[in-house]
């Protein structure tokens, strides 16, 4: 996932989703990892900065990960 901005930002996720950075400033490429699951599930990655929030929806289908 690529964050393109000129402000400080923070990331929050559901408990089964992790990123290699939770905060930073400016442009960066973020790695996303998810715990494996035996059931399909949906979650969110919220990126907040400069008074705005962007939500990236994560769908995991029994081991596969789809970012939207």
C-alpha atoms as a PDB file:
ATOM      1  CA  UNK A   1       0.000   0.000   0.000  1.00  0.00           C
ATOM      2  CA  UNK A   2       1.405   3.441  -0.912  1.00  0.00           C
ATOM      3  CA  UNK A   3       0.702   6.557   1.150  1.00  0.00           C
ATOM      4  CA  UNK A   4       1.263   9.805  -0.751  1.00  0.00           C
ATOM      5  CA  UNK A   5       0.971  12.935   1.401  1.00  0.00           C
ATOM      6  CA  UNK A   6       2.875  15.893   2.802  1.00  0.00           C
ATOM      7  CA  UNK A   7       1.438  15.637   6.354  1.00  0.00           C
ATOM      8  CA  UNK A   8       1.961  13.427   9.405  1.00  0.00           C
ATOM      9  CA  UNK A   9      -0.260  10.338   9.388  1.00  0.00           C
ATOM     10  CA  UNK A  10      -1.274   7.422  11.615  1.00  0.00           C
ATOM     11  CA  UNK A  11      -2.627   3.960  10.838  1.00  0.00           C
ATOM     12  CA  UNK A  12      -5.116   1.894  12.818  1.00  0.00           C
ATOM     13  CA  UNK A  13      -6.293  -1.609  11.879  1.00  0.00           C
ATOM     14  CA  UNK A  14      -8.442  -4.486  13.018  1.00  0.00           C
ATOM     15  CA  UNK A  15      -6.606  -6.859  15.382  1.00  0.00           C
ATOM     16  CA  UNK A  16      -5.877  -9.496  12.692  1.00  0.00           C
ATOM     17  CA  UNK A  17      -4.300  -6.962  10.298  1.00  0.00           C
ATOM     18  CA  UNK A  18      -0.804  -5.542  10.810  1.00  0.00           C
ATOM     19  CA  UNK A  19       1.377  -3.009   8.985  1.00  0.00           C
ATOM     20  CA  UNK A  20       5.115  -2.406   9.136  1.00  0.00           C
ATOM     21  CA  UNK A  21       4.525   1.221  10.241  1.00  0.00           C
ATOM     22  CA  UNK A  22       1.789   2.762  12.383  1.00  0.00           C
ATOM     23  CA  UNK A  23       2.752   6.403  11.901  1.00  0.00           C
ATOM     24  CA  UNK A  24       4.975   8.616   9.834  1.00  0.00           C
ATOM     25  CA  UNK A  25       5.285  11.702   7.674  1.00  0.00           C
ATOM     26  CA  UNK A  26       5.227  12.125   3.919  1.00  0.00           C
ATOM     27  CA  UNK A  27       5.268   9.454   1.221  1.00  0.00           C
ATOM     28  CA  UNK A  28       5.875   5.819   2.125  1.00  0.00           C
ATOM     29  CA  UNK A  29       5.182   2.252   1.013  1.00  0.00           C
ATOM     30  CA  UNK A  30       3.465   0.195   3.732  1.00  0.00           C
ATOM     31  CA  UNK A  31       3.538  -3.608   3.980  1.00  0.00           C
ATOM     32  CA  UNK A  32       0.280  -5.227   5.085  1.00  0.00           C
ATOM     33  CA  UNK A  33       0.070  -8.651   6.738  1.00  0.00           C
ATOM     34  CA  UNK A  34      -2.936 -10.616   7.948  1.00  0.00           C
ATOM     35  CA  UNK A  35      -3.204 -13.573  10.280  1.00  0.00           C
ATOM     36  CA  UNK A  36      -4.371 -16.692   8.480  1.00  0.00           C
ATOM     37  CA  UNK A  37      -7.996 -17.661   8.924  1.00  0.00           C
ATOM     38  CA  UNK A  38     -10.250 -20.607   8.249  1.00  0.00           C
ATOM     39  CA  UNK A  39     -13.208 -18.264   7.655  1.00  0.00           C
ATOM     40  CA  UNK A  40     -13.875 -15.346   5.314  1.00  0.00           C
ATOM     41  CA  UNK A  41     -13.687 -11.978   7.089  1.00  0.00           C
ATOM     42  CA  UNK A  42     -13.674  -8.241   6.442  1.00  0.00           C
ATOM     43  CA  UNK A  43     -11.631  -5.547   8.137  1.00  0.00           C
ATOM     44  CA  UNK A  44     -10.335  -2.009   7.778  1.00  0.00           C
ATOM     45  CA  UNK A  45      -7.091  -0.092   7.643  1.00  0.00           C
ATOM     46  CA  UNK A  46      -7.677   3.557   8.611  1.00  0.00           C
ATOM     47  CA  UNK A  47      -5.104   6.167   7.600  1.00  0.00           C
ATOM     48  CA  UNK A  48      -5.569   9.510   9.337  1.00  0.00           C
ATOM     49  CA  UNK A  49      -3.664  12.737   8.711  1.00  0.00           C
ATOM     50  CA  UNK A  50      -4.228  16.436   8.129  1.00  0.00           C
ATOM     51  CA  UNK A  51      -7.808  16.226   9.389  1.00  0.00           C
ATOM     52  CA  UNK A  52      -8.779  13.507   6.896  1.00  0.00           C
ATOM     53  CA  UNK A  53      -9.305   9.734   7.187  1.00  0.00           C
ATOM     54  CA  UNK A  54      -8.984   7.230   4.344  1.00  0.00           C
ATOM     55  CA  UNK A  55     -10.361   3.728   4.873  1.00  0.00           C
ATOM     56  CA  UNK A  56      -8.936   0.754   2.988  1.00  0.00           C
ATOM     57  CA  UNK A  57     -11.216  -2.270   3.206  1.00  0.00           C
ATOM     58  CA  UNK A  58      -9.567  -5.669   3.598  1.00  0.00           C
ATOM     59  CA  UNK A  59     -11.366  -8.865   2.601  1.00  0.00           C
ATOM     60  CA  UNK A  60      -9.754 -12.175   3.499  1.00  0.00           C
ATOM     61  CA  UNK A  61     -11.127 -15.294   1.849  1.00  0.00           C
ATOM     62  CA  UNK A  62      -9.724 -18.310   3.719  1.00  0.00           C
ATOM     63  CA  UNK A  63      -6.080 -17.308   3.449  1.00  0.00           C
ATOM     64  CA  UNK A  64      -6.263 -14.907   0.480  1.00  0.00           C
ATOM     65  CA  UNK A  65      -6.163 -11.126   1.048  1.00  0.00           C
ATOM     66  CA  UNK A  66      -7.948  -8.551  -1.125  1.00  0.00           C
ATOM     67  CA  UNK A  67      -7.372  -4.794  -0.557  1.00  0.00           C
ATOM     68  CA  UNK A  68     -10.045  -2.425  -1.863  1.00  0.00           C
END
